[in-house]
Amino acid sequence: MSTNLNPSIGDDRVLTVTRLFDAPRDKVWAAWIEFNHAHHFDGPAGHPMKSMRSDLRVGGTWRNVMRYEGKELRQRGVYREVKPPEVLSFTFAWETDVGIGDAETLVTVTFEEIAPGKTRLTLQQGVFPTTQTRDGHRAGWNRALDAFTQFLAQRQ
């Protein structure tokens, strides 16, 4: 059973971000996995990564700790679907000192080969409690995707 969010949900609390890459799908997938699970990843601009842990398999967990303005931002989740090189789906929640923050969401990243050597990456996350929360994640994911674009370009 696929865990993809339905893009036709029509709920404005679902975030969708799309990027196009001049690279084959398998290379974009491999770079995404390395980018998000390698110790050298420094985090999106202004959010340096302090630690990363990942068990990339269905049911496996992940946990990252970023720093922002002197504070630790802890996030974690569970992988729901790992289907190379097509889809990666996982839960996302902010950690607090007493457990999970305000909401757990589902993130689904799809990799679609739209032409030879051209890949569309679509990231969908939701459902957020508010559109303001969605917009905060939009900014964060766009910073991360900007960094990923540079990472992918360096690998080619």
Protein backbone atom coordinates (compact mmCIF):
# COMPACT_ATOMS: atom_id res chain seq x y z
CA MET A 1 0.00 0.00 0.00
CA SER A 2 1.43 3.39 -0.97
CA THR A 3 1.73 6.10 1.66
CA ASN A 4 1.71 8.95 -0.86
CA LEU A 5 -0.41 11.92 0.07
CA ASN A 6 -3.09 12.60 -2.47
CA PRO A 7 -2.21 15.77 -4.42
CA SER A 8 -5.89 16.38 -5.14
CA ILE A 9 -6.78 16.55 -1.43
CA GLY A 10 -7.50 20.25 -1.80
CA ASP A 11 -6.42 20.94 1.77
CA ASP A 12 -4.33 24.11 1.90
CA ARG A 13 -2.46 22.65 4.89
CA VAL A 14 -0.63 20.20 2.60
CA LEU A 15 2.73 21.38 1.28
CA THR A 16 3.91 20.46 -2.21
CA VAL A 17 7.33 21.50 -3.54
CA THR A 18 8.60 20.45 -6.96
CA ARG A 19 12.07 20.70 -8.49
CA LEU A 20 13.38 19.65 -11.90
CA PHE A 21 16.88 18.24 -12.35
CA ASP A 22 19.00 17.61 -15.43
CA ALA A 23 20.02 14.16 -14.22
CA PRO A 24 18.69 10.61 -14.50
CA ARG A 25 16.27 9.49 -11.79
CA ASP A 26 18.61 6.86 -10.32
CA LYS A 27 21.33 9.50 -9.86
CA VAL A 28 18.92 11.95 -8.23
CA TRP A 29 17.69 9.18 -5.89
CA ALA A 30 21.23 8.13 -4.94
CA ALA A 31 22.25 11.74 -4.31
CA TRP A 32 19.11 12.35 -2.21
CA ILE A 33 19.85 9.34 -0.02
CA GLU A 34 23.50 10.32 0.40
CA PHE A 35 22.63 14.00 0.98
CA ASN A 36 20.09 13.23 3.67
CA HIS A 37 21.88 10.38 5.41
CA ALA A 38 25.56 11.28 5.21
CA HIS A 39 27.52 12.72 8.09
CA HIS A 40 29.03 15.42 5.90
CA PHE A 41 25.68 17.17 5.31
CA ASP A 42 25.84 20.52 7.04
CA GLY A 43 22.11 21.32 7.06
CA PRO A 44 20.27 24.02 5.13
CA ALA A 45 21.71 27.55 5.22
CA GLY A 46 21.50 28.99 8.73
CA HIS A 47 20.62 25.60 10.23
CA PRO A 48 23.85 23.62 10.72
CA MET A 49 23.39 19.93 11.41
CA LYS A 50 24.70 18.78 14.78
CA SER A 51 23.88 15.08 14.37
CA MET A 52 22.08 12.71 12.02
CA ARG A 53 20.97 9.12 12.50
CA SER A 54 19.08 6.99 9.99
CA ASP A 55 18.02 3.37 9.53
CA LEU A 56 16.80 3.57 5.94
CA ARG A 57 14.28 0.73 5.70
CA VAL A 58 10.52 0.43 6.11
CA GLY A 59 9.92 0.69 9.86
CA GLY A 60 13.39 2.14 10.44
CA THR A 61 13.75 5.41 12.30
CA TRP A 62 15.60 8.63 11.63
CA ARG A 63 16.58 11.52 13.90
CA ASN A 64 18.34 14.81 13.14
CA VAL A 65 19.44 17.64 15.39
CA MET A 66 19.97 21.06 13.78
CA ARG A 67 21.09 24.27 15.44
CA TYR A 68 19.36 27.59 14.90
CA GLU A 69 20.12 30.79 16.82
CA GLY A 70 21.87 28.78 19.54
CA LYS A 71 18.98 26.33 20.02
CA GLU A 72 18.78 22.66 19.15
CA LEU A 73 15.97 21.71 16.77
CA ARG A 74 15.33 17.98 17.06
CA GLN A 75 13.27 16.10 14.51
CA ARG A 76 12.47 12.45 14.04
CA GLY A 77 10.33 9.98 12.20
CA VAL A 78 9.77 6.49 10.85
CA TYR A 79 10.25 5.34 7.25
CA ARG A 80 6.95 4.19 5.78
CA GLU A 81 7.92 3.45 2.18
CA VAL A 82 11.33 2.97 0.58
CA LYS A 83 11.02 2.11 -3.11
CA PRO A 84 14.23 2.98 -5.00
CA PRO A 85 14.41 5.00 -7.19
CA GLU A 86 10.75 6.03 -7.13
CA VAL A 87 9.50 7.01 -3.68
CA LEU A 88 10.66 7.67 -0.15
CA SER A 89 8.03 8.28 2.52
CA PHE A 90 8.50 8.95 6.22
CA THR A 91 6.83 10.57 9.18
CA PHE A 92 8.16 13.89 10.48
CA ALA A 93 7.79 15.31 13.97
CA TRP A 94 9.59 17.91 16.02
CA GLU A 95 10.84 16.58 19.34
CA THR A 96 10.29 18.47 22.55
CA ASP A 97 11.58 17.77 26.04
CA VAL A 98 8.36 15.87 26.74
CA GLY A 99 7.86 14.02 23.44
CA ILE A 100 6.52 15.02 20.02
CA GLY A 101 5.66 18.62 19.22
CA ASP A 102 2.38 19.93 17.87
CA ALA A 103 1.91 17.48 14.98
CA GLU A 104 3.32 14.51 13.15
CA THR A 105 3.14 14.77 9.37
CA LEU A 106 3.85 12.45 6.48
CA VAL A 107 6.55 13.41 3.97
CA THR A 108 6.53 11.71 0.58
CA VAL A 109 9.27 12.37 -1.95
CA THR A 110 8.70 11.04 -5.47
CA PHE A 111 11.27 10.85 -8.24
CA GLU A 112 9.77 10.86 -11.73
CA GLU A 113 11.84 10.50 -14.89
CA ILE A 114 10.09 12.93 -17.22
CA ALA A 115 12.55 12.50 -20.13
CA PRO A 116 15.90 10.80 -20.59
CA GLY A 117 18.26 12.50 -18.14
CA LYS A 118 15.50 14.69 -16.63
CA THR A 119 13.93 14.06 -13.22
CA ARG A 120 11.09 15.73 -11.37
CA LEU A 121 11.35 15.56 -7.58
CA THR A 122 8.07 16.24 -5.80
CA LEU A 123 8.02 16.58 -2.04
CA GLN A 124 4.66 16.54 -0.30
CA GLN A 125 4.12 16.98 3.44
CA GLY A 126 1.01 17.23 5.53
CA VAL A 127 -1.44 17.61 6.87
CA PHE A 128 -0.20 20.55 8.98
CA PRO A 129 -2.27 22.01 11.82
CA THR A 130 -2.15 25.49 10.22
CA THR A 131 -1.10 27.15 6.98
CA GLN A 132 1.51 29.11 8.97
CA THR A 133 3.15 25.85 10.03
CA ARG A 134 3.02 24.67 6.41
CA ASP A 135 4.71 27.88 5.26
CA GLY A 136 7.50 27.48 7.82
CA HIS A 137 8.20 24.02 6.43
CA ARG A 138 8.03 25.38 2.86
CA ALA A 139 10.86 27.78 3.68
CA GLY A 140 12.89 25.02 5.34
CA TRP A 141 12.41 22.51 2.54
CA ASN A 142 13.27 25.13 -0.09
CA ARG A 143 16.53 25.91 1.76
CA ALA A 144 17.28 22.18 1.92
CA LEU A 145 16.41 21.69 -1.77
CA ASP A 146 18.66 24.61 -2.74
CA ALA A 147 21.51 22.89 -0.88
CA PHE A 148 20.59 19.56 -2.51
CA THR A 149 20.69 21.16 -5.97
CA GLN A 150 24.27 22.26 -5.30
CA PHE A 151 25.15 18.83 -3.89
CA LEU A 152 23.76 17.06 -6.96
CA ALA A 153 25.61 19.42 -9.32
CA GLN A 154 28.91 18.63 -7.56
CA ARG A 155 28.32 14.88 -8.02
CA GLN A 156 27.84 15.12 -11.80
